[in-house]
C-alpha atoms as a PDB file:
ATOM      1  CA  MET A   1     -25.121 118.523 210.203  1.00  0.00           C
ATOM      2  CA  THR A   2     -23.361 118.970 206.879  1.00  0.00           C
ATOM      3  CA  ILE A   3     -24.706 117.785 203.526  1.00  0.00           C
ATOM      4  CA  GLU A   4     -22.609 118.090 200.390  1.00  0.00           C
ATOM      5  CA  GLY A   5     -24.546 120.068 197.804  1.00  0.00           C
ATOM      6  CA  VAL A   6     -23.577 118.667 194.413  1.00  0.00           C
ATOM      7  CA  SER A   7     -25.033 116.047 192.098  1.00  0.00           C
ATOM      8  CA  GLY A   8     -23.573 112.595 192.584  1.00  0.00           C
ATOM      9  CA  TYR A   9     -22.109 111.233 195.801  1.00  0.00           C
ATOM     10  CA  GLY A  10     -19.994 114.240 196.762  1.00  0.00           C
ATOM     11  CA  GLU A  11     -16.532 112.762 196.333  1.00  0.00           C
ATOM     12  CA  GLY A  12     -14.069 115.662 196.346  1.00  0.00           C
ATOM     13  CA  GLU A  13     -16.393 117.906 198.379  1.00  0.00           C
ATOM     14  CA  SER A  14     -15.169 119.174 201.734  1.00  0.00           C
ATOM     15  CA  VAL A  15     -16.037 121.038 204.908  1.00  0.00           C
ATOM     16  CA  THR A  16     -13.510 123.334 206.580  1.00  0.00           C
ATOM     17  CA  LEU A  17     -13.552 124.070 210.306  1.00  0.00           C
ATOM     18  CA  THR A  18     -11.910 127.505 210.544  1.00  0.00           C
ATOM     19  CA  LEU A  19     -10.602 128.231 214.043  1.00  0.00           C
ATOM     20  CA  ASP A  20     -10.354 131.710 215.598  1.00  0.00           C
ATOM     21  CA  GLY A  21      -6.592 131.410 215.933  1.00  0.00           C
ATOM     22  CA  SER A  22      -3.892 128.760 216.041  1.00  0.00           C
ATOM     23  CA  TYR A  23      -4.823 125.697 218.111  1.00  0.00           C
ATOM     24  CA  ILE A  24      -3.260 122.343 218.966  1.00  0.00           C
ATOM     25  CA  VAL A  25      -5.428 119.377 217.926  1.00  0.00           C
ATOM     26  CA  SER A  26      -4.699 115.684 218.322  1.00  0.00           C
ATOM     27  CA  GLY A  27      -7.811 114.063 216.880  1.00  0.00           C
ATOM     28  CA  MET A  28     -11.509 114.343 216.281  1.00  0.00           C
ATOM     29  CA  LYS A  29     -14.776 112.576 216.875  1.00  0.00           C
ATOM     30  CA  ILE A  30     -17.069 112.223 213.865  1.00  0.00           C
ATOM     31  CA  ASN A  31     -20.626 111.021 213.408  1.00  0.00           C
ATOM     32  CA  ALA A  32     -20.597 110.147 209.711  1.00  0.00           C
ATOM     33  CA  GLY A  33     -23.937 109.784 207.925  1.00  0.00           C
ATOM     34  CA  TYR A  34     -27.425 111.022 208.750  1.00  0.00           C
ATOM     35  CA  GLN A  35     -27.782 109.659 212.287  1.00  0.00           C
ATOM     36  CA  LYS A  36     -31.427 110.582 212.870  1.00  0.00           C
ATOM     37  CA  SER A  37     -32.542 106.935 212.593  1.00  0.00           C
ATOM     38  CA  LEU A  38     -31.267 103.640 211.141  1.00  0.00           C
ATOM     39  CA  THR A  39     -33.505 104.165 208.094  1.00  0.00           C
ATOM     40  CA  SER A  40     -32.149 107.683 207.514  1.00  0.00           C
ATOM     41  CA  TYR A  41     -28.601 106.436 208.039  1.00  0.00           C
ATOM     42  CA  TYR A  42     -28.787 103.675 205.412  1.00  0.00           C
ATOM     43  CA  ASP A  43     -31.012 105.608 202.951  1.00  0.00           C
ATOM     44  CA  ASN A  44     -28.310 108.304 202.586  1.00  0.00           C
ATOM     45  CA  SER A  45     -24.657 107.964 201.623  1.00  0.00           C
ATOM     46  CA  ARG A  46     -21.940 108.120 204.286  1.00  0.00           C
ATOM     47  CA  PRO A  47     -18.253 109.100 204.024  1.00  0.00           C
ATOM     48  CA  LYS A  48     -16.049 106.019 203.758  1.00  0.00           C
ATOM     49  CA  LYS A  49     -12.577 107.451 203.195  1.00  0.00           C
ATOM     50  CA  ILE A  50     -11.786 111.022 204.258  1.00  0.00           C
ATOM     51  CA  LYS A  51      -8.732 113.229 203.879  1.00  0.00           C
ATOM     52  CA  VAL A  52      -8.042 115.560 206.814  1.00  0.00           C
ATOM     53  CA  SER A  53      -5.831 118.589 206.033  1.00  0.00           C
ATOM     54  CA  PHE A  54      -4.334 121.275 208.264  1.00  0.00           C
ATOM     55  CA  SER A  55      -3.021 124.826 207.791  1.00  0.00           C
ATOM     56  CA  ASN A  56       0.566 123.626 208.314  1.00  0.00           C
ATOM     57  CA  GLY A  57       0.344 121.629 205.061  1.00  0.00           C
ATOM     58  CA  LYS A  58       0.023 118.203 206.706  1.00  0.00           C
ATOM     59  CA  SER A  59      -2.756 115.866 205.561  1.00  0.00           C
ATOM     60  CA  LEU A  60      -3.878 112.431 206.732  1.00  0.00           C
ATOM     61  CA  THR A  61      -6.280 109.882 205.219  1.00  0.00           C
ATOM     62  CA  TYR A  62      -8.655 107.687 207.220  1.00  0.00           C
ATOM     63  CA  THR A  63     -11.196 104.987 206.424  1.00  0.00           C
ATOM     64  CA  LEU A  64     -14.350 105.231 208.530  1.00  0.00           C
ATOM     65  CA  THR A  65     -16.405 102.196 209.479  1.00  0.00           C
ATOM     66  CA  ASP A  66     -19.959 101.964 208.177  1.00  0.00           C
ATOM     67  CA  ALA A  67     -21.551 102.178 211.613  1.00  0.00           C
ATOM     68  CA  MET A  68     -24.145 104.498 213.102  1.00  0.00           C
ATOM     69  CA  GLU A  69     -21.936 105.611 215.983  1.00  0.00           C
ATOM     70  CA  LYS A  70     -19.397 108.248 216.967  1.00  0.00           C
ATOM     71  CA  GLN A  71     -15.963 107.357 215.625  1.00  0.00           C
ATOM     72  CA  THR A  72     -12.725 108.566 217.182  1.00  0.00           C
ATOM     73  CA  ILE A  73      -9.806 109.518 214.946  1.00  0.00           C
ATOM     74  CA  ASP A  74      -6.327 109.949 216.424  1.00  0.00           C
ATOM     75  CA  PHE A  75      -4.029 112.185 214.348  1.00  0.00           C
ATOM     76  CA  GLY A  76      -0.998 110.381 215.803  1.00  0.00           C
ATOM     77  CA  SER A  77       0.524 113.569 217.203  1.00  0.00           C
ATOM     78  CA  GLU A  78      -0.429 117.045 218.282  1.00  0.00           C
ATOM     79  CA  ILE A  79      -0.862 119.365 215.294  1.00  0.00           C
ATOM     80  CA  GLU A  80      -0.859 123.156 215.451  1.00  0.00           C
ATOM     81  CA  THR A  81      -3.365 124.493 212.923  1.00  0.00           C
ATOM     82  CA  LYS A  82      -5.700 127.355 212.074  1.00  0.00           C
ATOM     83  CA  TYR A  83      -8.189 125.112 210.289  1.00  0.00           C
ATOM     84  CA  VAL A  84      -9.148 121.485 209.742  1.00  0.00           C
ATOM     85  CA  LYS A  85     -10.466 120.534 206.300  1.00  0.00           C
ATOM     86  CA  ILE A  86     -12.324 117.238 205.861  1.00  0.00           C
ATOM     87  CA  GLU A  87     -12.654 116.034 202.275  1.00  0.00           C
ATOM     88  CA  ILE A  88     -14.832 113.134 201.092  1.00  0.00           C
ATOM     89  CA  VAL A  89     -12.603 110.739 199.145  1.00  0.00           C
ATOM     90  CA  SER A  90     -15.078 107.850 198.817  1.00  0.00           C
ATOM     91  CA  VAL A  91     -18.490 106.884 200.210  1.00  0.00           C
ATOM     92  CA  TYR A  92     -20.684 104.045 201.381  1.00  0.00           C
ATOM     93  CA  LYS A  93     -23.592 104.428 198.930  1.00  0.00           C
ATOM     94  CA  GLY A  94     -27.060 105.052 200.327  1.00  0.00           C
ATOM     95  CA  ASN A  95     -29.931 102.678 199.608  1.00  0.00           C
ATOM     96  CA  LYS A  96     -32.152 105.546 198.427  1.00  0.00           C
ATOM     97  CA  TYR A  97     -30.234 108.846 198.130  1.00  0.00           C
ATOM     98  CA  LYS A  98     -26.847 109.940 196.797  1.00  0.00           C
ATOM     99  CA  ASP A  99     -26.568 112.766 199.379  1.00  0.00           C
ATOM    100  CA  THR A 100     -23.554 112.251 201.666  1.00  0.00           C
ATOM    101  CA  LEU A 101     -23.930 113.567 205.208  1.00  0.00           C
ATOM    102  CA  ILE A 102     -21.865 114.157 208.331  1.00  0.00           C
ATOM    103  CA  SER A 103     -23.991 114.624 211.475  1.00  0.00           C
ATOM    104  CA  GLU A 104     -21.314 115.951 213.850  1.00  0.00           C
ATOM    105  CA  ILE A 105     -17.602 116.740 214.088  1.00  0.00           C
ATOM    106  CA  LYS A 106     -15.748 117.580 217.297  1.00  0.00           C
ATOM    107  CA  LEU A 107     -12.023 118.341 217.430  1.00  0.00           C
ATOM    108  CA  THR A 108      -9.981 117.015 220.345  1.00  0.00           C
END
């Protein structure tokens, strides 16, 4: 699980998945928000729009649904990269907390 660590909602904050070499990726699966329970999910903020960047200079922007489920993102092509950076562009605001969380990320 990743929690941005700044005051506010964390727009502009990012997490970088650094790979141990150059790999081909074509998408990812993401569990946005704190997916421990429905209460935890809606009490905390969740990423709404994310920017995904790669070591080859390419970047893509996606809007996630506000749903407590694994979401699949297709990059549209195979991309050779040494890292994948996920930046929070905007959020679904939490009912109680400003913290923005991502429970899991898996590259495909």
